[in-house]
């Protein structure tokens, strides 16, 4: 195997580029400080089925709120326009 480090900082191995894992900027939702990943359609911190597209072009992230009633609620926030609300 041949590994080459190029002047621009990229590294190739046997002619194929090695792509480092992308580091996403993050933001927090109420009641949760796990760091939702801005712009990542596969955010690892979101509740199942999220993020979803927002009308502004951003992504709506979601996480559980306090379970104070029989059901639950989710906190939602768009990572672009910042729309922030609770759904009971």
N, C-alpha and C. Protein backbone atom coordinates (compact mmCIF):
# COMPACT_ATOMS: atom_id res chain seq x y z
N UNK A 1 0.85 -1.17 0.00
CA UNK A 1 0.00 0.00 0.00
C UNK A 1 0.89 1.23 0.00
N UNK A 2 0.55 2.19 -0.84
CA UNK A 2 1.31 3.43 -0.93
C UNK A 2 0.45 4.57 -0.39
N UNK A 3 0.99 5.26 0.61
CA UNK A 3 0.29 6.41 1.19
C UNK A 3 1.10 7.65 0.86
N UNK A 4 0.42 8.65 0.29
CA UNK A 4 1.09 9.88 -0.12
C UNK A 4 0.39 11.08 0.51
N UNK A 5 1.17 11.95 1.14
CA UNK A 5 0.63 13.20 1.67
C UNK A 5 1.00 14.30 0.69
N UNK A 6 -0.01 15.01 0.18
CA UNK A 6 0.19 16.05 -0.82
C UNK A 6 0.36 17.41 -0.17
N UNK A 7 0.91 18.35 -0.93
CA UNK A 7 1.18 19.70 -0.41
C UNK A 7 -0.10 20.41 0.05
N UNK A 8 -1.25 20.08 -0.55
CA UNK A 8 -2.51 20.74 -0.16
C UNK A 8 -3.13 20.10 1.08
N UNK A 9 -2.47 19.11 1.66
CA UNK A 9 -2.96 18.49 2.89
C UNK A 9 -3.76 17.22 2.68
N UNK A 10 -4.12 16.90 1.44
CA UNK A 10 -4.86 15.67 1.20
C UNK A 10 -3.92 14.48 1.27
N UNK A 11 -4.52 13.34 1.57
CA UNK A 11 -3.75 12.10 1.65
C UNK A 11 -4.40 11.09 0.72
N UNK A 12 -3.59 10.40 -0.05
CA UNK A 12 -4.10 9.33 -0.90
C UNK A 12 -3.45 8.03 -0.50
N UNK A 13 -4.20 6.97 -0.69
CA UNK A 13 -3.71 5.63 -0.39
C UNK A 13 -4.01 4.76 -1.61
N UNK A 14 -2.97 4.19 -2.19
CA UNK A 14 -3.09 3.39 -3.41
C UNK A 14 -3.94 4.10 -4.45
N UNK A 15 -3.77 5.43 -4.57
CA UNK A 15 -4.43 6.22 -5.58
C UNK A 15 -5.83 6.68 -5.24
N UNK A 16 -6.41 6.26 -4.10
CA UNK A 16 -7.75 6.66 -3.73
C UNK A 16 -7.67 7.66 -2.59
N UNK A 17 -8.45 8.77 -2.65
CA UNK A 17 -8.40 9.74 -1.55
C UNK A 17 -9.00 9.18 -0.27
N UNK A 18 -8.39 9.52 0.84
CA UNK A 18 -8.94 9.17 2.15
C UNK A 18 -9.70 10.40 2.63
N UNK A 19 -11.00 10.25 2.82
CA UNK A 19 -11.84 11.38 3.19
C UNK A 19 -12.06 11.36 4.70
N UNK A 20 -11.63 12.42 5.39
CA UNK A 20 -11.85 12.46 6.84
C UNK A 20 -13.33 12.65 7.13
N UNK A 21 -13.76 12.18 8.30
CA UNK A 21 -15.15 12.34 8.72
C UNK A 21 -15.44 13.82 8.89
N UNK A 22 -16.57 14.27 8.33
CA UNK A 22 -16.95 15.68 8.42
C UNK A 22 -17.30 16.04 9.86
N UNK A 23 -16.81 17.17 10.31
CA UNK A 23 -17.15 17.70 11.63
C UNK A 23 -18.25 18.73 11.45
N UNK A 24 -19.43 18.44 11.95
CA UNK A 24 -20.58 19.32 11.81
C UNK A 24 -20.59 20.34 12.94
N UNK A 25 -20.99 21.59 12.61
CA UNK A 25 -21.28 22.56 13.66
C UNK A 25 -22.55 22.08 14.35
N UNK A 26 -22.69 22.37 15.63
CA UNK A 26 -23.84 21.87 16.37
C UNK A 26 -24.59 22.99 17.09
N UNK A 27 -25.82 22.68 17.50
CA UNK A 27 -26.60 23.58 18.34
C UNK A 27 -27.43 22.72 19.29
N UNK A 28 -27.89 23.31 20.39
CA UNK A 28 -28.65 22.58 21.39
C UNK A 28 -30.13 22.93 21.31
N UNK A 29 -30.95 21.97 21.71
CA UNK A 29 -32.38 22.19 21.85
C UNK A 29 -32.69 22.26 23.34
N UNK A 30 -33.85 22.86 23.73
CA UNK A 30 -34.21 22.91 25.15
C UNK A 30 -34.22 21.51 25.76
N UNK A 31 -33.85 21.42 27.01
CA UNK A 31 -33.85 20.16 27.76
C UNK A 31 -32.81 19.15 27.28
N UNK A 32 -32.00 19.53 26.30
CA UNK A 32 -31.06 18.56 25.74
C UNK A 32 -29.84 19.30 25.23
N UNK A 33 -28.68 18.88 25.61
CA UNK A 33 -27.47 19.57 25.17
C UNK A 33 -26.53 18.65 24.39
N UNK A 34 -27.11 17.74 23.61
CA UNK A 34 -26.31 16.75 22.90
C UNK A 34 -25.66 17.24 21.63
N UNK A 35 -26.05 18.39 21.13
CA UNK A 35 -25.41 18.92 19.94
C UNK A 35 -25.99 18.39 18.64
N UNK A 36 -27.10 18.96 18.21
CA UNK A 36 -27.68 18.58 16.92
C UNK A 36 -26.80 19.15 15.81
N UNK A 37 -26.62 18.40 14.74
CA UNK A 37 -25.65 18.72 13.70
C UNK A 37 -26.28 19.57 12.60
N UNK A 38 -25.86 20.82 12.50
CA UNK A 38 -26.41 21.78 11.54
C UNK A 38 -26.12 21.31 10.12
N UNK A 39 -27.18 21.22 9.31
CA UNK A 39 -27.04 20.85 7.90
C UNK A 39 -26.91 19.37 7.63
N UNK A 40 -26.87 18.55 8.66
CA UNK A 40 -26.71 17.10 8.47
C UNK A 40 -28.08 16.43 8.38
N UNK A 41 -28.46 15.93 7.21
CA UNK A 41 -29.75 15.27 7.07
C UNK A 41 -29.83 13.94 7.81
N UNK A 42 -28.71 13.49 8.36
CA UNK A 42 -28.67 12.25 9.14
C UNK A 42 -28.15 12.54 10.54
N UNK A 43 -28.62 13.63 11.13
CA UNK A 43 -28.18 14.05 12.45
C UNK A 43 -28.33 12.87 13.44
N UNK A 44 -27.27 12.54 14.12
CA UNK A 44 -27.27 11.39 15.02
C UNK A 44 -27.96 11.67 16.35
N UNK A 45 -28.27 12.94 16.64
CA UNK A 45 -28.89 13.30 17.91
C UNK A 45 -30.40 13.45 17.82
N UNK A 46 -30.94 13.43 16.59
CA UNK A 46 -32.38 13.66 16.40
C UNK A 46 -33.21 12.44 16.74
N UNK A 47 -34.45 12.74 17.13
CA UNK A 47 -35.45 11.72 17.37
C UNK A 47 -35.76 11.05 16.04
N UNK A 48 -36.21 9.80 16.07
CA UNK A 48 -36.51 9.01 14.89
C UNK A 48 -37.38 9.77 13.88
N UNK A 49 -36.98 9.76 12.63
CA UNK A 49 -37.73 10.44 11.58
C UNK A 49 -37.30 11.89 11.35
N UNK A 50 -36.36 12.38 12.14
CA UNK A 50 -35.86 13.74 12.00
C UNK A 50 -34.37 13.68 11.74
N UNK A 51 -33.83 14.76 11.16
CA UNK A 51 -34.45 16.02 10.82
C UNK A 51 -35.32 15.92 9.58
N UNK A 52 -36.21 16.91 9.47
CA UNK A 52 -37.11 17.02 8.32
C UNK A 52 -36.89 18.39 7.67
N UNK A 53 -37.20 18.50 6.38
CA UNK A 53 -36.99 19.78 5.70
C UNK A 53 -37.89 20.88 6.25
N UNK A 54 -37.35 22.08 6.36
CA UNK A 54 -38.10 23.27 6.75
C UNK A 54 -38.43 24.06 5.49
N UNK A 55 -39.48 24.86 5.53
CA UNK A 55 -39.87 25.69 4.39
C UNK A 55 -38.76 26.65 3.97
N UNK A 56 -37.89 27.04 4.92
CA UNK A 56 -36.82 27.99 4.62
C UNK A 56 -35.64 27.34 3.89
N UNK A 57 -35.62 26.01 3.83
CA UNK A 57 -34.51 25.30 3.20
C UNK A 57 -33.58 24.64 4.20
N UNK A 58 -33.77 24.94 5.49
CA UNK A 58 -32.96 24.31 6.53
C UNK A 58 -33.54 22.97 6.94
N UNK A 59 -33.06 22.45 8.05
CA UNK A 59 -33.54 21.17 8.58
C UNK A 59 -34.13 21.37 9.96
N UNK A 60 -35.30 20.76 10.21
CA UNK A 60 -35.94 20.82 11.52
C UNK A 60 -35.46 19.62 12.33
N UNK A 61 -34.80 19.90 13.44
CA UNK A 61 -34.30 18.86 14.34
C UNK A 61 -35.30 18.68 15.48
N UNK A 62 -35.31 17.50 16.11
CA UNK A 62 -36.27 17.24 17.19
C UNK A 62 -35.63 16.39 18.28
N UNK A 63 -36.09 16.64 19.52
CA UNK A 63 -35.70 15.83 20.67
C UNK A 63 -36.84 15.81 21.67
N UNK A 64 -36.86 14.82 22.56
CA UNK A 64 -37.91 14.68 23.57
C UNK A 64 -37.88 15.81 24.57
N UNK A 65 -39.09 16.20 25.01
CA UNK A 65 -39.24 17.11 26.13
C UNK A 65 -39.48 16.29 27.39
N UNK A 66 -39.76 16.96 28.50
CA UNK A 66 -40.07 16.25 29.73
C UNK A 66 -41.34 15.43 29.56
N UNK A 67 -41.34 14.25 30.13
CA UNK A 67 -42.53 13.40 30.07
C UNK A 67 -43.39 13.68 31.29
N UNK A 68 -44.15 14.78 31.24
CA UNK A 68 -44.95 15.22 32.38
C UNK A 68 -46.39 14.72 32.31
N UNK A 69 -46.80 14.25 31.16
CA UNK A 69 -48.17 13.80 30.97
C UNK A 69 -48.14 12.36 30.48
N UNK A 70 -49.29 11.80 30.14
CA UNK A 70 -49.32 10.41 29.65
C UNK A 70 -48.49 10.24 28.39
N UNK A 71 -48.52 11.21 27.54
CA UNK A 71 -47.75 11.12 26.29
C UNK A 71 -46.38 11.74 26.46
N UNK A 72 -45.92 12.32 25.42
CA UNK A 72 -44.63 13.02 25.43
C UNK A 72 -44.76 14.20 24.49
N UNK A 73 -43.78 15.09 24.49
CA UNK A 73 -43.75 16.11 23.48
C UNK A 73 -42.33 16.18 22.95
N UNK A 74 -42.23 16.81 21.82
CA UNK A 74 -40.93 16.98 21.18
C UNK A 74 -40.62 18.46 21.09
N UNK A 75 -39.34 18.81 21.24
CA UNK A 75 -38.88 20.15 20.94
C UNK A 75 -38.37 20.12 19.51
N UNK A 76 -38.73 21.13 18.74
CA UNK A 76 -38.29 21.23 17.36
C UNK A 76 -37.56 22.54 17.17
N UNK A 77 -36.57 22.55 16.30
CA UNK A 77 -35.91 23.81 15.92
C UNK A 77 -35.26 23.63 14.55
N UNK A 78 -35.46 24.65 13.70
CA UNK A 78 -34.82 24.65 12.39
C UNK A 78 -33.38 25.14 12.55
N UNK A 79 -32.45 24.46 11.88
CA UNK A 79 -31.05 24.84 12.00
C UNK A 79 -30.68 26.04 11.12
N UNK A 80 -31.64 26.54 10.31
CA UNK A 80 -31.35 27.69 9.47
C UNK A 80 -32.10 28.94 9.93
N UNK A 81 -33.43 28.85 10.02
CA UNK A 81 -34.21 30.04 10.38
C UNK A 81 -34.43 30.15 11.89
N UNK A 82 -34.19 29.07 12.63
CA UNK A 82 -34.28 29.12 14.08
C UNK A 82 -35.68 28.98 14.64
N UNK A 83 -36.66 28.64 13.79
CA UNK A 83 -38.02 28.44 14.29
C UNK A 83 -37.95 27.45 15.44
N UNK A 84 -38.54 27.81 16.58
CA UNK A 84 -38.41 27.03 17.81
C UNK A 84 -39.78 26.92 18.46
N UNK A 85 -40.26 25.72 18.67
CA UNK A 85 -41.56 25.54 19.28
C UNK A 85 -41.69 24.16 19.89
N UNK A 86 -42.73 23.96 20.71
CA UNK A 86 -43.04 22.68 21.32
C UNK A 86 -44.33 22.16 20.72
N UNK A 87 -44.44 20.86 20.59
CA UNK A 87 -45.69 20.24 20.16
C UNK A 87 -46.12 19.29 21.25
N UNK A 88 -47.33 19.46 21.78
CA UNK A 88 -47.82 18.61 22.87
C UNK A 88 -48.39 17.32 22.29
